[in-house]
N, C-alpha and C. Protein backbone atom coordinates (compact mmCIF):
# COMPACT_ATOMS: atom_id res chain seq x y z
N MET A 1 -21.31 8.39 19.53
CA MET A 1 -21.56 7.24 18.70
C MET A 1 -22.94 6.66 18.96
N GLY A 2 -23.40 6.68 20.21
CA GLY A 2 -24.71 6.13 20.55
C GLY A 2 -25.82 6.92 19.94
N THR A 3 -25.61 8.25 19.78
CA THR A 3 -26.66 9.07 19.16
C THR A 3 -26.83 8.77 17.69
N ILE A 4 -25.73 8.43 17.03
CA ILE A 4 -25.81 8.07 15.62
C ILE A 4 -26.55 6.79 15.44
N ILE A 5 -26.24 5.77 16.33
CA ILE A 5 -26.93 4.51 16.24
C ILE A 5 -28.42 4.71 16.50
N ASN A 6 -28.76 5.51 17.54
CA ASN A 6 -30.15 5.78 17.84
C ASN A 6 -30.87 6.49 16.67
N TRP A 7 -30.17 7.40 16.04
CA TRP A 7 -30.78 8.09 14.91
C TRP A 7 -31.04 7.15 13.76
N MET A 8 -30.10 6.25 13.51
CA MET A 8 -30.24 5.31 12.39
C MET A 8 -31.33 4.29 12.73
N THR A 9 -31.46 3.92 13.96
CA THR A 9 -32.57 2.99 14.37
C THR A 9 -33.90 3.68 14.21
N GLU A 10 -33.95 4.94 14.57
CA GLU A 10 -35.26 5.70 14.38
C GLU A 10 -35.57 5.92 12.96
N LEU A 11 -34.51 6.17 12.11
CA LEU A 11 -34.67 6.31 10.67
C LEU A 11 -35.19 5.03 10.01
N ASN A 12 -34.69 3.89 10.51
CA ASN A 12 -35.16 2.62 9.99
C ASN A 12 -36.63 2.40 10.31
N SER A 13 -37.04 2.85 11.48
CA SER A 13 -38.45 2.68 11.87
C SER A 13 -39.37 3.64 11.12
N SER A 14 -38.90 4.88 10.86
CA SER A 14 -39.79 5.88 10.33
C SER A 14 -39.72 5.97 8.78
N ASP A 15 -38.54 5.88 8.19
CA ASP A 15 -38.39 6.13 6.76
C ASP A 15 -37.45 5.07 6.20
N ARG A 16 -37.97 3.96 5.72
CA ARG A 16 -37.14 2.88 5.27
C ARG A 16 -36.37 3.19 3.95
N LEU A 17 -36.97 4.05 3.11
CA LEU A 17 -36.29 4.42 1.91
C LEU A 17 -35.00 5.20 2.20
N MET A 18 -35.09 6.17 3.04
CA MET A 18 -33.92 7.00 3.41
C MET A 18 -32.88 6.09 4.10
N PHE A 19 -33.35 5.17 4.96
CA PHE A 19 -32.42 4.26 5.61
C PHE A 19 -31.68 3.44 4.58
N GLY A 20 -32.38 2.98 3.55
CA GLY A 20 -31.72 2.20 2.50
C GLY A 20 -30.72 3.02 1.73
N VAL A 21 -31.08 4.26 1.39
CA VAL A 21 -30.14 5.19 0.74
C VAL A 21 -28.90 5.39 1.65
N LEU A 22 -29.15 5.66 2.89
CA LEU A 22 -28.01 5.86 3.85
C LEU A 22 -27.10 4.57 3.90
N THR A 23 -27.72 3.42 3.92
CA THR A 23 -26.96 2.21 3.93
C THR A 23 -26.10 2.00 2.69
N VAL A 24 -26.69 2.33 1.54
CA VAL A 24 -25.94 2.18 0.27
C VAL A 24 -24.76 3.16 0.27
N PHE A 25 -24.97 4.38 0.66
CA PHE A 25 -23.86 5.33 0.62
C PHE A 25 -22.80 4.97 1.69
N THR A 26 -23.24 4.48 2.83
CA THR A 26 -22.31 4.06 3.86
C THR A 26 -21.43 2.97 3.36
N MET A 27 -22.01 1.92 2.76
CA MET A 27 -21.22 0.80 2.25
C MET A 27 -20.31 1.21 1.11
N ALA A 28 -20.79 2.11 0.21
CA ALA A 28 -19.91 2.58 -0.88
C ALA A 28 -18.75 3.36 -0.28
N GLY A 29 -18.99 4.21 0.68
CA GLY A 29 -17.94 5.01 1.29
C GLY A 29 -16.92 4.12 2.01
N LEU A 30 -17.44 3.05 2.68
CA LEU A 30 -16.54 2.12 3.34
C LEU A 30 -15.66 1.34 2.33
N GLY A 31 -16.28 0.93 1.26
CA GLY A 31 -15.51 0.23 0.24
C GLY A 31 -14.44 1.06 -0.41
N ILE A 32 -14.78 2.33 -0.69
CA ILE A 32 -13.79 3.29 -1.26
C ILE A 32 -12.65 3.50 -0.28
N SER A 33 -13.00 3.68 0.98
CA SER A 33 -11.97 3.88 1.99
C SER A 33 -11.04 2.72 2.13
N ILE A 34 -11.56 1.50 2.13
CA ILE A 34 -10.75 0.32 2.20
C ILE A 34 -9.85 0.19 0.96
N ALA A 35 -10.39 0.53 -0.19
CA ALA A 35 -9.58 0.46 -1.44
C ALA A 35 -8.47 1.46 -1.42
N ILE A 36 -8.70 2.65 -0.94
CA ILE A 36 -7.67 3.68 -0.86
C ILE A 36 -6.57 3.24 0.09
N ILE A 37 -6.98 2.71 1.27
CA ILE A 37 -6.01 2.29 2.24
C ILE A 37 -5.15 1.13 1.69
N ALA A 38 -5.78 0.21 0.97
CA ALA A 38 -5.05 -0.89 0.40
C ALA A 38 -4.09 -0.43 -0.67
N GLU A 39 -4.55 0.52 -1.47
CA GLU A 39 -3.68 1.09 -2.53
C GLU A 39 -2.49 1.76 -1.95
N LEU A 40 -2.68 2.55 -0.89
CA LEU A 40 -1.52 3.21 -0.20
C LEU A 40 -0.59 2.19 0.44
N PHE A 41 -1.14 1.13 1.00
CA PHE A 41 -0.33 0.07 1.61
C PHE A 41 0.49 -0.66 0.55
N PHE A 42 -0.08 -0.96 -0.55
CA PHE A 42 0.66 -1.63 -1.63
C PHE A 42 1.75 -0.70 -2.22
N ARG A 43 1.44 0.52 -2.38
CA ARG A 43 2.46 1.48 -2.87
C ARG A 43 3.61 1.62 -1.90
N ALA A 44 3.33 1.58 -0.62
CA ALA A 44 4.39 1.69 0.40
C ALA A 44 5.28 0.45 0.36
N LEU A 45 4.71 -0.70 0.00
CA LEU A 45 5.51 -1.90 -0.13
C LEU A 45 6.16 -2.04 -1.49
N GLY A 46 5.83 -1.17 -2.43
CA GLY A 46 6.46 -1.17 -3.72
C GLY A 46 5.79 -2.15 -4.69
N ILE A 47 4.58 -2.53 -4.38
CA ILE A 47 3.83 -3.44 -5.28
C ILE A 47 3.03 -2.61 -6.22
N LYS A 48 3.17 -2.86 -7.53
CA LYS A 48 2.39 -2.11 -8.52
C LYS A 48 1.08 -2.84 -8.80
N CYS A 49 0.00 -2.08 -8.74
CA CYS A 49 -1.34 -2.65 -8.97
C CYS A 49 -2.03 -2.00 -10.18
N ASP A 50 -1.22 -1.41 -11.08
CA ASP A 50 -1.82 -0.69 -12.19
C ASP A 50 -2.52 -1.62 -13.21
N LYS A 51 -1.85 -2.67 -13.60
CA LYS A 51 -2.41 -3.53 -14.61
C LYS A 51 -2.25 -4.95 -14.18
N ILE A 52 -3.32 -5.73 -14.38
CA ILE A 52 -3.32 -7.17 -14.09
C ILE A 52 -3.26 -7.91 -15.41
N GLU A 53 -2.21 -8.71 -15.59
CA GLU A 53 -2.09 -9.51 -16.79
C GLU A 53 -2.41 -10.92 -16.52
N ILE A 54 -3.21 -11.54 -17.42
CA ILE A 54 -3.58 -12.93 -17.25
C ILE A 54 -2.80 -13.73 -18.23
N GLN A 55 -2.09 -14.69 -17.73
CA GLN A 55 -1.24 -15.54 -18.55
C GLN A 55 -2.06 -16.80 -18.88
N HIS A 56 -2.21 -17.12 -20.14
CA HIS A 56 -2.94 -18.32 -20.58
C HIS A 56 -1.96 -19.36 -20.97
């Protein structure tokens, strides 16, 4: 884990554009992972998340 952090620190110092791209993809991947886990959790509880209806 330390080598990944060192590599990312070096990447931030040397190539800021690639560090930005890496950050965007990391955040997108993290968000997708959390959404998938939440979806599986809700399905296990029997909660349907297919359609949200707004009552006025």
